[in-house]
Amino acid sequence: MNTETAIQRQADRELVSQILQRDPHAFHKLIVDHEKLVAHLVYKMIPVVADRRDIIQDVYIKVHNNLRQFRFQSKLSTWIGQITYNTCLHYLQKKRPILMESFFENADLSYTDYKMVQAASNETENRLFARELSQTIAQAVAQLSALYQTLIGLHYQQELSLQEISEITQLPEGTIKSYLFRARKQLKDILLKSQKREEL
């Protein structure tokens, strides 16, 4: 275990201890610390906007109710991610079993994972180009399957390792690596087709 991981584990232990001792501010800190990860998973996996808030609330209820069973074998964020992922899967299996293999409908186009713009002489022009590029990538990502969107977001936006993603999704690391490769290939194909249409 490296120093950074050890420090994080200690911070996790202190936070969990404070929550279990009914510190009124501690659970709020847990929510703030992990809201981006939880929101990312829910917003990428759950297409029905009206259901997302209830699912996020359900996630935190499960986290709170099961905190005594957390054994610190992984990072707290990984454990919370796993609860979130499984809660979303349960919803998908109950509501629409084929959703994980279908495309998102009315996908959220606020996805801004990739910051690929070099400095330009005109700052305003640079910002416009960055926004346009981000929207193009967002629209392309939104055409991927829900599972591919989730994995891409966890790896590139949340910057989780393959091992951490494996712990959250219960998929083998090799499978995740293969899915990421396919997702990147599909993304490239979508962007190339989009570029060709614009050139016509």
N, C-alpha and C. Protein backbone atom coordinates (compact mmCIF):
# COMPACT_ATOMS: atom_id res chain seq x y z
N MET A 1 0.85 -1.19 0.00
CA MET A 1 0.00 0.00 0.00
C MET A 1 0.88 1.24 0.00
N ASN A 2 0.70 2.15 -0.96
CA ASN A 2 1.54 3.34 -1.01
C ASN A 2 1.08 4.37 0.02
N THR A 3 1.88 5.42 0.19
CA THR A 3 1.62 6.42 1.22
C THR A 3 0.28 7.11 1.01
N GLU A 4 -0.01 7.46 -0.25
CA GLU A 4 -1.25 8.16 -0.56
C GLU A 4 -2.47 7.30 -0.20
N THR A 5 -2.40 6.01 -0.53
CA THR A 5 -3.50 5.10 -0.22
C THR A 5 -3.66 4.95 1.29
N ALA A 6 -2.53 4.85 1.99
CA ALA A 6 -2.57 4.71 3.45
C ALA A 6 -3.21 5.93 4.10
N ILE A 7 -2.86 7.11 3.60
CA ILE A 7 -3.44 8.35 4.14
C ILE A 7 -4.95 8.38 3.88
N GLN A 8 -5.35 7.95 2.67
CA GLN A 8 -6.77 7.94 2.32
C GLN A 8 -7.54 6.95 3.20
N ARG A 9 -6.94 5.77 3.43
CA ARG A 9 -7.59 4.77 4.28
C ARG A 9 -7.79 5.31 5.70
N GLN A 10 -6.77 6.02 6.20
CA GLN A 10 -6.87 6.58 7.55
C GLN A 10 -7.96 7.64 7.61
N ALA A 11 -8.03 8.46 6.57
CA ALA A 11 -9.07 9.49 6.50
C ALA A 11 -10.45 8.85 6.44
N ASP A 12 -10.55 7.75 5.68
CA ASP A 12 -11.82 7.01 5.59
C ASP A 12 -12.24 6.49 6.96
N ARG A 13 -11.27 5.91 7.68
CA ARG A 13 -11.56 5.36 9.01
C ARG A 13 -12.06 6.44 9.96
N GLU A 14 -11.41 7.59 9.91
CA GLU A 14 -11.80 8.69 10.80
C GLU A 14 -13.20 9.19 10.47
N LEU A 15 -13.50 9.31 9.18
CA LEU A 15 -14.80 9.78 8.76
C LEU A 15 -15.90 8.80 9.16
N VAL A 16 -15.67 7.52 8.90
CA VAL A 16 -16.66 6.49 9.26
C VAL A 16 -16.87 6.47 10.77
N SER A 17 -15.79 6.58 11.53
CA SER A 17 -15.89 6.60 12.99
C SER A 17 -16.75 7.78 13.46
N GLN A 18 -16.54 8.94 12.86
CA GLN A 18 -17.31 10.13 13.22
C GLN A 18 -18.79 9.94 12.91
N ILE A 19 -19.09 9.32 11.77
CA ILE A 19 -20.48 9.08 11.40
C ILE A 19 -21.14 8.13 12.38
N LEU A 20 -20.43 7.05 12.71
CA LEU A 20 -20.98 6.06 13.63
C LEU A 20 -21.15 6.61 15.04
N GLN A 21 -20.37 7.65 15.36
CA GLN A 21 -20.52 8.33 16.65
C GLN A 21 -21.56 9.45 16.59
N ARG A 22 -22.30 9.45 15.46
CA ARG A 22 -23.41 10.40 15.25
C ARG A 22 -22.98 11.86 15.19
N ASP A 23 -21.80 12.10 14.64
CA ASP A 23 -21.38 13.47 14.37
C ASP A 23 -22.31 14.03 13.29
N PRO A 24 -23.04 15.11 13.57
CA PRO A 24 -24.04 15.61 12.61
C PRO A 24 -23.46 16.12 11.30
N HIS A 25 -22.19 16.47 11.29
CA HIS A 25 -21.57 17.01 10.08
C HIS A 25 -20.84 15.95 9.25
N ALA A 26 -20.56 14.81 9.85
CA ALA A 26 -19.70 13.82 9.21
C ALA A 26 -20.36 13.18 7.97
N PHE A 27 -21.64 12.82 8.08
CA PHE A 27 -22.28 12.18 6.93
C PHE A 27 -22.45 13.18 5.79
N HIS A 28 -22.68 14.43 6.13
CA HIS A 28 -22.75 15.46 5.09
C HIS A 28 -21.42 15.55 4.35
N LYS A 29 -20.31 15.44 5.10
CA LYS A 29 -18.98 15.47 4.47
C LYS A 29 -18.82 14.27 3.54
N LEU A 30 -19.29 13.11 3.97
CA LEU A 30 -19.22 11.91 3.11
C LEU A 30 -19.95 12.16 1.80
N ILE A 31 -21.14 12.75 1.89
CA ILE A 31 -21.92 13.03 0.67
C ILE A 31 -21.16 13.99 -0.25
N VAL A 32 -20.64 15.06 0.32
CA VAL A 32 -19.91 16.06 -0.48
C VAL A 32 -18.67 15.44 -1.12
N ASP A 33 -17.95 14.62 -0.36
CA ASP A 33 -16.72 14.01 -0.85
C ASP A 33 -16.96 13.05 -2.02
N HIS A 34 -18.14 12.42 -2.07
CA HIS A 34 -18.38 11.38 -3.05
C HIS A 34 -19.51 11.68 -4.03
N GLU A 35 -20.04 12.92 -3.98
CA GLU A 35 -21.21 13.24 -4.80
C GLU A 35 -20.90 13.19 -6.30
N LYS A 36 -19.68 13.52 -6.70
CA LYS A 36 -19.36 13.49 -8.13
C LYS A 36 -19.37 12.06 -8.66
N LEU A 37 -18.80 11.14 -7.91
CA LEU A 37 -18.78 9.74 -8.33
C LEU A 37 -20.20 9.17 -8.39
N VAL A 38 -20.98 9.40 -7.34
CA VAL A 38 -22.35 8.89 -7.30
C VAL A 38 -23.17 9.49 -8.43
N ALA A 39 -23.08 10.80 -8.60
CA ALA A 39 -23.85 11.48 -9.65
C ALA A 39 -23.44 10.99 -11.03
N HIS A 40 -22.14 10.79 -11.21
CA HIS A 40 -21.67 10.32 -12.52
C HIS A 40 -22.30 8.97 -12.86
N LEU A 41 -22.24 8.04 -11.95
CA LEU A 41 -22.80 6.71 -12.20
C LEU A 41 -24.30 6.77 -12.45
N VAL A 42 -25.00 7.49 -11.61
CA VAL A 42 -26.47 7.56 -11.74
C VAL A 42 -26.86 8.26 -13.04
N TYR A 43 -26.22 9.39 -13.34
CA TYR A 43 -26.60 10.15 -14.53
C TYR A 43 -26.24 9.44 -15.82
N LYS A 44 -25.22 8.59 -15.80
CA LYS A 44 -24.85 7.87 -17.01
C LYS A 44 -25.62 6.57 -17.16
N MET A 45 -26.09 5.99 -16.07
CA MET A 45 -26.77 4.70 -16.15
C MET A 45 -28.29 4.82 -16.16
N ILE A 46 -28.81 5.90 -15.60
CA ILE A 46 -30.27 6.05 -15.46
C ILE A 46 -30.78 7.12 -16.42
N PRO A 47 -31.53 6.73 -17.44
CA PRO A 47 -31.97 7.70 -18.45
C PRO A 47 -33.18 8.52 -18.03
N VAL A 48 -33.95 8.04 -17.07
CA VAL A 48 -35.16 8.75 -16.65
C VAL A 48 -34.78 9.81 -15.61
N VAL A 49 -34.80 11.07 -16.03
CA VAL A 49 -34.33 12.16 -15.18
C VAL A 49 -35.09 12.20 -13.85
N ALA A 50 -36.39 11.96 -13.90
CA ALA A 50 -37.22 12.04 -12.70
C ALA A 50 -36.84 11.01 -11.65
N ASP A 51 -36.21 9.92 -12.07
CA ASP A 51 -35.85 8.84 -11.12
C ASP A 51 -34.47 9.03 -10.49
N ARG A 52 -33.66 9.90 -11.06
CA ARG A 52 -32.27 10.00 -10.61
C ARG A 52 -32.15 10.46 -9.16
N ARG A 53 -32.92 11.47 -8.79
CA ARG A 53 -32.84 12.00 -7.42
C ARG A 53 -33.20 10.92 -6.40
N ASP A 54 -34.26 10.15 -6.70
CA ASP A 54 -34.68 9.08 -5.78
C ASP A 54 -33.61 8.01 -5.65
N ILE A 55 -32.93 7.69 -6.77
CA ILE A 55 -31.90 6.67 -6.74
C ILE A 55 -30.69 7.15 -5.94
N ILE A 56 -30.30 8.40 -6.13
CA ILE A 56 -29.19 8.96 -5.36
C ILE A 56 -29.51 8.94 -3.87
N GLN A 57 -30.73 9.30 -3.54
CA GLN A 57 -31.15 9.26 -2.13
C GLN A 57 -31.11 7.83 -1.60
N ASP A 58 -31.55 6.89 -2.41
CA ASP A 58 -31.53 5.47 -2.03
C ASP A 58 -30.11 5.00 -1.79
N VAL A 59 -29.18 5.45 -2.63
CA VAL A 59 -27.76 5.08 -2.48
C VAL A 59 -27.25 5.52 -1.11
N TYR A 60 -27.50 6.77 -0.74
CA TYR A 60 -26.97 7.28 0.53
C TYR A 60 -27.66 6.64 1.74
N ILE A 61 -28.92 6.26 1.59
CA ILE A 61 -29.59 5.53 2.66
C ILE A 61 -28.91 4.17 2.86
N LYS A 62 -28.61 3.49 1.75
CA LYS A 62 -27.93 2.19 1.83
C LYS A 62 -26.53 2.35 2.43
N VAL A 63 -25.82 3.40 2.03
CA VAL A 63 -24.49 3.65 2.58
C VAL A 63 -24.59 3.84 4.09
N HIS A 64 -25.51 4.68 4.52
CA HIS A 64 -25.66 4.97 5.94
C HIS A 64 -26.03 3.71 6.72
N ASN A 65 -26.96 2.94 6.18
CA ASN A 65 -27.46 1.75 6.89
C ASN A 65 -26.43 0.62 6.96
N ASN A 66 -25.49 0.61 6.02
CA ASN A 66 -24.53 -0.50 5.95
C ASN A 66 -23.12 -0.10 6.36
N LEU A 67 -22.97 1.10 6.87
CA LEU A 67 -21.63 1.61 7.17
C LEU A 67 -20.90 0.77 8.22
N ARG A 68 -21.65 0.20 9.15
CA ARG A 68 -21.00 -0.64 10.18
C ARG A 68 -20.40 -1.91 9.58
N GLN A 69 -20.89 -2.32 8.41
CA GLN A 69 -20.38 -3.53 7.78
C GLN A 69 -19.16 -3.27 6.88
N PHE A 70 -18.84 -1.98 6.68
CA PHE A 70 -17.69 -1.65 5.83
C PHE A 70 -16.40 -2.03 6.56
N ARG A 71 -15.56 -2.85 5.90
CA ARG A 71 -14.38 -3.41 6.56
C ARG A 71 -13.06 -2.80 6.07
N PHE A 72 -13.12 -1.73 5.28
CA PHE A 72 -11.92 -1.02 4.84
C PHE A 72 -10.99 -1.90 4.00
N GLN A 73 -11.56 -2.90 3.32
CA GLN A 73 -10.75 -3.73 2.41
C GLN A 73 -10.50 -3.01 1.09
N SER A 74 -11.28 -1.97 0.84
CA SER A 74 -11.08 -1.10 -0.32
C SER A 74 -11.26 0.33 0.15
N LYS A 75 -11.06 1.28 -0.74
CA LYS A 75 -11.31 2.67 -0.38
C LYS A 75 -12.80 2.88 -0.17
N LEU A 76 -13.15 3.83 0.66
CA LEU A 76 -14.56 4.14 0.91
C LEU A 76 -15.25 4.54 -0.39
N SER A 77 -14.56 5.27 -1.24
CA SER A 77 -15.14 5.70 -2.52
C SER A 77 -15.48 4.50 -3.40
N THR A 78 -14.62 3.49 -3.38
CA THR A 78 -14.88 2.29 -4.17
C THR A 78 -16.11 1.55 -3.66
N TRP A 79 -16.23 1.47 -2.35
CA TRP A 79 -17.38 0.80 -1.74
C TRP A 79 -18.68 1.54 -2.07
N ILE A 80 -18.64 2.87 -1.97
CA ILE A 80 -19.81 3.68 -2.30
C ILE A 80 -20.14 3.56 -3.79
N GLY A 81 -19.09 3.53 -4.61
CA GLY A 81 -19.30 3.35 -6.04
C GLY A 81 -19.97 2.02 -6.35
N GLN A 82 -19.57 0.98 -5.63
CA GLN A 82 -20.15 -0.35 -5.83
C GLN A 82 -21.63 -0.35 -5.44
N ILE A 83 -21.97 0.28 -4.33
CA ILE A 83 -23.37 0.38 -3.91
C ILE A 83 -24.17 1.15 -4.97
N THR A 84 -23.60 2.23 -5.46
CA THR A 84 -24.29 3.03 -6.48
C THR A 84 -24.52 2.22 -7.75
N TYR A 85 -23.48 1.55 -8.20
CA TYR A 85 -23.57 0.75 -9.43
C TYR A 85 -24.62 -0.34 -9.28
N ASN A 86 -24.61 -1.05 -8.15
CA ASN A 86 -25.57 -2.13 -7.94
C ASN A 86 -27.00 -1.60 -7.81
N THR A 87 -27.16 -0.43 -7.20
CA THR A 87 -28.48 0.18 -7.09
C THR A 87 -29.02 0.54 -8.47
N CYS A 88 -28.15 1.08 -9.31
CA CYS A 88 -28.55 1.42 -10.68
C CYS A 88 -28.89 0.15 -11.47
N LEU A 89 -28.07 -0.89 -11.31
CA LEU A 89 -28.34 -2.15 -12.02
C LEU A 89 -29.68 -2.73 -11.60
N HIS A 90 -29.97 -2.67 -10.31
CA HIS A 90 -31.24 -3.19 -9.80
C HIS A 90 -32.41 -2.44 -10.44
N TYR A 91 -32.26 -1.12 -10.54
CA TYR A 91 -33.29 -0.30 -11.19
C TYR A 91 -33.47 -0.72 -12.64
N LEU A 92 -32.34 -0.86 -13.35
CA LEU A 92 -32.40 -1.20 -14.77
C LEU A 92 -33.02 -2.57 -14.99
N GLN A 93 -32.66 -3.52 -14.14
CA GLN A 93 -33.21 -4.87 -14.27
C GLN A 93 -34.70 -4.89 -13.98
N LYS A 94 -35.12 -4.04 -13.05
CA LYS A 94 -36.53 -4.01 -12.66
C LYS A 94 -37.38 -3.26 -13.68
N LYS A 95 -36.82 -2.13 -14.17
CA LYS A 95 -37.59 -1.26 -15.06
C LYS A 95 -37.46 -1.65 -16.54
N ARG A 96 -36.21 -1.78 -16.98
CA ARG A 96 -35.99 -2.04 -18.40
C ARG A 96 -34.75 -2.92 -18.55
N PRO A 97 -34.91 -4.23 -18.57
CA PRO A 97 -33.77 -5.16 -18.60
C PRO A 97 -32.81 -4.95 -19.77
N ILE A 98 -33.30 -4.43 -20.89
CA ILE A 98 -32.42 -4.30 -22.05
C ILE A 98 -31.69 -2.98 -22.08
N LEU A 99 -31.91 -2.14 -21.08
CA LEU A 99 -31.38 -0.79 -21.14
C LEU A 99 -29.86 -0.74 -21.18
N MET A 100 -29.20 -1.66 -20.48
CA MET A 100 -27.74 -1.63 -20.44
C MET A 100 -27.11 -1.89 -21.79
N GLU A 101 -27.86 -2.51 -22.71
CA GLU A 101 -27.32 -2.78 -24.03
C GLU A 101 -27.89 -1.85 -25.09
N SER A 102 -28.78 -0.96 -24.66
CA SER A 102 -29.35 -0.02 -25.62
C SER A 102 -28.65 1.31 -25.52
N PHE A 103 -29.00 2.23 -26.38
CA PHE A 103 -28.43 3.57 -26.32
C PHE A 103 -29.27 4.45 -25.42
N PHE A 104 -28.61 5.42 -24.80
CA PHE A 104 -29.38 6.37 -24.01
C PHE A 104 -30.30 7.16 -24.93
N GLU A 105 -31.53 7.39 -24.44
CA GLU A 105 -32.44 8.28 -25.13
C GLU A 105 -32.40 9.60 -24.37
N ASN A 106 -32.40 10.71 -25.12
CA ASN A 106 -32.34 12.03 -24.50
C ASN A 106 -31.13 12.14 -23.57
N ALA A 107 -29.99 11.68 -24.06
CA ALA A 107 -28.78 11.62 -23.20
C ALA A 107 -28.35 13.02 -22.77
N ASP A 108 -27.77 13.07 -21.60
CA ASP A 108 -27.25 14.32 -21.06
C ASP A 108 -26.05 14.74 -21.89
N LEU A 109 -26.10 15.94 -22.45
CA LEU A 109 -25.02 16.40 -23.31
C LEU A 109 -24.06 17.34 -22.58
N SER A 110 -24.06 17.29 -21.26
CA SER A 110 -23.15 18.14 -20.50
C SER A 110 -21.84 17.43 -20.18
N TYR A 111 -21.59 16.33 -20.85
CA TYR A 111 -20.41 15.52 -20.61
C TYR A 111 -19.17 16.25 -21.12
N THR A 112 -18.23 16.57 -20.25
CA THR A 112 -17.06 17.36 -20.66
C THR A 112 -15.79 16.72 -20.18
N ASP A 113 -15.62 15.46 -20.49
CA ASP A 113 -14.48 14.71 -19.98
C ASP A 113 -13.14 15.15 -20.57
N TYR A 114 -13.12 15.43 -21.85
CA TYR A 114 -11.85 15.56 -22.54
C TYR A 114 -11.51 17.03 -22.81
N LYS A 115 -10.38 17.45 -22.25
CA LYS A 115 -9.94 18.83 -22.42
C LYS A 115 -8.74 18.82 -23.35
N MET A 116 -8.99 18.98 -24.64
CA MET A 116 -7.93 18.72 -25.61
C MET A 116 -7.51 19.96 -26.41
N VAL A 117 -7.82 21.12 -25.92
CA VAL A 117 -7.58 22.32 -26.72
C VAL A 117 -6.24 22.97 -26.38
N GLN A 118 -5.41 23.20 -27.38
CA GLN A 118 -4.13 23.88 -27.19
C GLN A 118 -4.36 25.39 -27.19
N ALA A 119 -3.38 26.13 -26.65
CA ALA A 119 -3.49 27.59 -26.61
C ALA A 119 -3.59 28.15 -28.01
N ALA A 120 -4.43 29.13 -28.20
CA ALA A 120 -4.59 29.77 -29.51
C ALA A 120 -4.30 31.25 -29.35
N SER A 121 -4.03 31.89 -30.45
CA SER A 121 -3.68 33.30 -30.37
C SER A 121 -4.87 34.15 -29.92
N ASN A 122 -6.05 33.76 -30.34
CA ASN A 122 -7.24 34.50 -29.95
C ASN A 122 -7.97 33.73 -28.85
N GLU A 123 -8.00 34.31 -27.64
CA GLU A 123 -8.56 33.59 -26.50
C GLU A 123 -10.06 33.32 -26.68
N THR A 124 -10.78 34.28 -27.22
CA THR A 124 -12.22 34.09 -27.44
C THR A 124 -12.47 32.97 -28.43
N GLU A 125 -11.71 32.96 -29.50
CA GLU A 125 -11.83 31.91 -30.51
C GLU A 125 -11.48 30.55 -29.91
N ASN A 126 -10.48 30.54 -29.06
CA ASN A 126 -10.06 29.31 -28.40
C ASN A 126 -11.19 28.75 -27.52
N ARG A 127 -11.86 29.64 -26.77
CA ARG A 127 -12.95 29.20 -25.91
C ARG A 127 -14.13 28.66 -26.71
N LEU A 128 -14.43 29.33 -27.81
CA LEU A 128 -15.51 28.85 -28.67
C LEU A 128 -15.19 27.49 -29.25
N PHE A 129 -13.94 27.32 -29.66
CA PHE A 129 -13.52 26.03 -30.22
C PHE A 129 -13.58 24.94 -29.16
N ALA A 130 -13.14 25.27 -27.93
CA ALA A 130 -13.17 24.30 -26.84
C ALA A 130 -14.60 23.86 -26.56
N ARG A 131 -15.53 24.83 -26.51
CA ARG A 131 -16.93 24.51 -26.23
C ARG A 131 -17.51 23.64 -27.35
N GLU A 132 -17.19 24.00 -28.58
CA GLU A 132 -17.71 23.24 -29.73
C GLU A 132 -17.15 21.82 -29.73
N LEU A 133 -15.86 21.69 -29.44
CA LEU A 133 -15.22 20.38 -29.40
C LEU A 133 -15.82 19.53 -28.28
N SER A 134 -16.02 20.16 -27.12
CA SER A 134 -16.60 19.44 -25.98
C SER A 134 -18.00 18.93 -26.31
N GLN A 135 -18.80 19.78 -26.97
CA GLN A 135 -20.16 19.38 -27.34
C GLN A 135 -20.15 18.24 -28.36
N THR A 136 -19.20 18.31 -29.30
CA THR A 136 -19.08 17.25 -30.31
C THR A 136 -18.75 15.92 -29.65
N ILE A 137 -17.79 15.94 -28.73
CA ILE A 137 -17.40 14.72 -28.02
C ILE A 137 -18.56 14.22 -27.16
N ALA A 138 -19.24 15.17 -26.49
CA ALA A 138 -20.37 14.80 -25.62
C ALA A 138 -21.45 14.08 -26.43
N GLN A 139 -21.77 14.62 -27.60
CA GLN A 139 -22.80 14.02 -28.44
C GLN A 139 -22.37 12.64 -28.93
N ALA A 140 -21.07 12.49 -29.20
CA ALA A 140 -20.56 11.19 -29.64
C ALA A 140 -20.60 10.18 -28.49
N VAL A 141 -20.18 10.59 -27.31
CA VAL A 141 -20.20 9.70 -26.15
C VAL A 141 -21.63 9.27 -25.84
N ALA A 142 -22.58 10.19 -26.03
CA ALA A 142 -23.99 9.89 -25.73
C ALA A 142 -24.56 8.81 -26.65
N GLN A 143 -23.88 8.52 -27.75
CA GLN A 143 -24.35 7.47 -28.66
C GLN A 143 -23.83 6.09 -28.28
N LEU A 144 -22.91 6.03 -27.33
CA LEU A 144 -22.41 4.74 -26.85
C LEU A 144 -23.45 4.09 -25.94
N SER A 145 -23.30 2.79 -25.72
CA SER A 145 -24.21 2.11 -24.80
C SER A 145 -24.02 2.65 -23.40
N ALA A 146 -25.02 2.43 -22.56
CA ALA A 146 -24.96 2.92 -21.18
C ALA A 146 -23.73 2.36 -20.45
N LEU A 147 -23.43 1.10 -20.67
CA LEU A 147 -22.29 0.48 -20.01
C LEU A 147 -20.99 1.13 -20.44
N TYR A 148 -20.82 1.36 -21.74
CA TYR A 148 -19.60 1.98 -22.25
C TYR A 148 -19.47 3.41 -21.73
N GLN A 149 -20.58 4.16 -21.69
CA GLN A 149 -20.54 5.52 -21.15
C GLN A 149 -20.07 5.51 -19.69
N THR A 150 -20.59 4.55 -18.96
CA THR A 150 -20.24 4.45 -17.53
C THR A 150 -18.76 4.16 -17.35
N LEU A 151 -18.25 3.18 -18.09
CA LEU A 151 -16.84 2.80 -17.96
C LEU A 151 -15.91 3.92 -18.41
N ILE A 152 -16.24 4.59 -19.51
CA ILE A 152 -15.42 5.70 -19.98
C ILE A 152 -15.38 6.81 -18.93
N GLY A 153 -16.54 7.11 -18.36
CA GLY A 153 -16.60 8.16 -17.36
C GLY A 153 -15.81 7.83 -16.11
N LEU A 154 -15.93 6.57 -15.64
CA LEU A 154 -15.20 6.16 -14.44
C LEU A 154 -13.69 6.23 -14.67
N HIS A 155 -13.25 5.81 -15.86
CA HIS A 155 -11.81 5.72 -16.13
C HIS A 155 -11.20 7.09 -16.45
N TYR A 156 -11.89 7.87 -17.30
CA TYR A 156 -11.29 9.12 -17.78
C TYR A 156 -11.74 10.35 -17.00
N GLN A 157 -13.00 10.38 -16.57
CA GLN A 157 -13.46 11.55 -15.83
C GLN A 157 -13.17 11.41 -14.34
N GLN A 158 -13.54 10.26 -13.76
CA GLN A 158 -13.29 10.04 -12.33
C GLN A 158 -11.86 9.57 -12.07
N GLU A 159 -11.15 9.21 -13.13
CA GLU A 159 -9.74 8.79 -13.05
C GLU A 159 -9.53 7.59 -12.13
N LEU A 160 -10.45 6.62 -12.22
CA LEU A 160 -10.31 5.40 -11.44
C LEU A 160 -9.47 4.39 -12.21
N SER A 161 -8.73 3.58 -11.49
CA SER A 161 -7.93 2.54 -12.11
C SER A 161 -8.82 1.38 -12.55
N LEU A 162 -8.28 0.49 -13.38
CA LEU A 162 -9.04 -0.68 -13.81
C LEU A 162 -9.43 -1.53 -12.60
N GLN A 163 -8.53 -1.62 -11.62
CA GLN A 163 -8.82 -2.41 -10.42
C GLN A 163 -10.00 -1.81 -9.64
N GLU A 164 -10.02 -0.48 -9.50
CA GLU A 164 -11.11 0.17 -8.78
C GLU A 164 -12.43 0.01 -9.52
N ILE A 165 -12.39 0.14 -10.85
CA ILE A 165 -13.61 -0.05 -11.64
C ILE A 165 -14.09 -1.49 -11.51
N SER A 166 -13.15 -2.42 -11.48
CA SER A 166 -13.50 -3.83 -11.33
C SER A 166 -14.20 -4.07 -9.99
N GLU A 167 -13.69 -3.43 -8.93
CA GLU A 167 -14.29 -3.59 -7.61
C GLU A 167 -15.70 -3.00 -7.58
N ILE A 168 -15.92 -1.92 -8.31
CA ILE A 168 -17.24 -1.27 -8.34
C ILE A 168 -18.23 -2.09 -9.16
N THR A 169 -17.80 -2.52 -10.35
CA THR A 169 -18.73 -3.17 -11.30
C THR A 169 -18.75 -4.68 -11.19
N GLN A 170 -17.76 -5.26 -10.49
CA GLN A 170 -17.61 -6.72 -10.39
C GLN A 170 -17.32 -7.36 -11.75
N LEU A 171 -16.82 -6.57 -12.68
CA LEU A 171 -16.36 -7.10 -13.97
C LEU A 171 -14.86 -7.35 -13.89
N PRO A 172 -14.35 -8.40 -14.54
CA PRO A 172 -12.90 -8.64 -14.54
C PRO A 172 -12.15 -7.48 -15.21
N GLU A 173 -10.94 -7.22 -14.72
CA GLU A 173 -10.15 -6.12 -15.29
C GLU A 173 -9.94 -6.29 -16.79
N GLY A 174 -9.71 -7.53 -17.22
CA GLY A 174 -9.51 -7.79 -18.65
C GLY A 174 -10.73 -7.43 -19.47
N THR A 175 -11.90 -7.71 -18.92
CA THR A 175 -13.15 -7.37 -19.61
C THR A 175 -13.32 -5.86 -19.70
N ILE A 176 -13.02 -5.17 -18.61
CA ILE A 176 -13.12 -3.71 -18.59
C ILE A 176 -12.17 -3.10 -19.62
N LYS A 177 -10.94 -3.62 -19.66
CA LYS A 177 -9.96 -3.12 -20.62
C LYS A 177 -10.45 -3.33 -22.05
N SER A 178 -11.04 -4.50 -22.31
CA SER A 178 -11.58 -4.80 -23.63
C SER A 178 -12.75 -3.88 -23.98
N TYR A 179 -13.63 -3.66 -23.00
CA TYR A 179 -14.78 -2.78 -23.22
C TYR A 179 -14.34 -1.34 -23.49
N LEU A 180 -13.31 -0.89 -22.75
CA LEU A 180 -12.80 0.46 -22.96
C LEU A 180 -12.19 0.60 -24.36
N PHE A 181 -11.50 -0.44 -24.80
CA PHE A 181 -10.92 -0.43 -26.14
C PHE A 181 -12.02 -0.32 -27.20
N ARG A 182 -13.09 -1.13 -27.03
CA ARG A 182 -14.21 -1.10 -27.98
C ARG A 182 -14.92 0.24 -27.93
N ALA A 183 -15.07 0.78 -26.72
CA ALA A 183 -15.76 2.07 -26.58
C ALA A 183 -14.98 3.17 -27.28
N ARG A 184 -13.65 3.17 -27.11
CA ARG A 184 -12.82 4.19 -27.78
C ARG A 184 -12.91 4.04 -29.29
N LYS A 185 -12.92 2.80 -29.78
CA LYS A 185 -13.02 2.56 -31.22
C LYS A 185 -14.36 3.05 -31.75
N GLN A 186 -15.44 2.74 -31.03
CA GLN A 186 -16.76 3.21 -31.45
C GLN A 186 -16.81 4.73 -31.44
N LEU A 187 -16.22 5.33 -30.42
CA LEU A 187 -16.20 6.79 -30.30
C LEU A 187 -15.46 7.41 -31.48
N LYS A 188 -14.33 6.81 -31.83
CA LYS A 188 -13.55 7.30 -32.97
C LYS A 188 -14.35 7.20 -34.26
N ASP A 189 -15.04 6.07 -34.46
CA ASP A 189 -15.85 5.87 -35.67
C ASP A 189 -16.97 6.89 -35.74
N ILE A 190 -17.62 7.15 -34.60
CA ILE A 190 -18.72 8.13 -34.57
C ILE A 190 -18.21 9.52 -34.92
N LEU A 191 -17.06 9.90 -34.35
CA LEU A 191 -16.49 11.22 -34.62
C LEU A 191 -16.07 11.36 -36.08
N LEU A 192 -15.50 10.30 -36.65
CA LEU A 192 -15.10 10.34 -38.06
C LEU A 192 -16.31 10.48 -38.98
N LYS A 193 -17.38 9.74 -38.68
CA LYS A 193 -18.60 9.84 -39.48
C LYS A 193 -19.20 11.23 -39.38
N SER A 194 -19.17 11.79 -38.17
CA SER A 194 -19.69 13.13 -37.95
C SER A 194 -18.90 14.16 -38.75
N GLN A 195 -17.58 13.99 -38.77
CA GLN A 195 -16.72 14.92 -39.50
C GLN A 195 -16.98 14.82 -41.00
N LYS A 196 -17.18 13.60 -41.52
CA LYS A 196 -17.44 13.42 -42.94
C LYS A 196 -18.76 14.07 -43.34
N ARG A 197 -19.78 13.94 -42.46
CA ARG A 197 -21.08 14.56 -42.76
C ARG A 197 -20.95 16.07 -42.84
N GLU A 198 -20.13 16.65 -41.95
CA GLU A 198 -19.95 18.10 -41.95
C GLU A 198 -19.20 18.57 -43.19
N GLU A 199 -18.34 17.71 -43.74
CA GLU A 199 -17.55 18.09 -44.91
C GLU A 199 -18.35 18.01 -46.19
N LEU A 200 -19.47 17.29 -46.19
CA LEU A 200 -20.32 17.17 -47.38
C LEU A 200 -21.02 18.48 -47.72
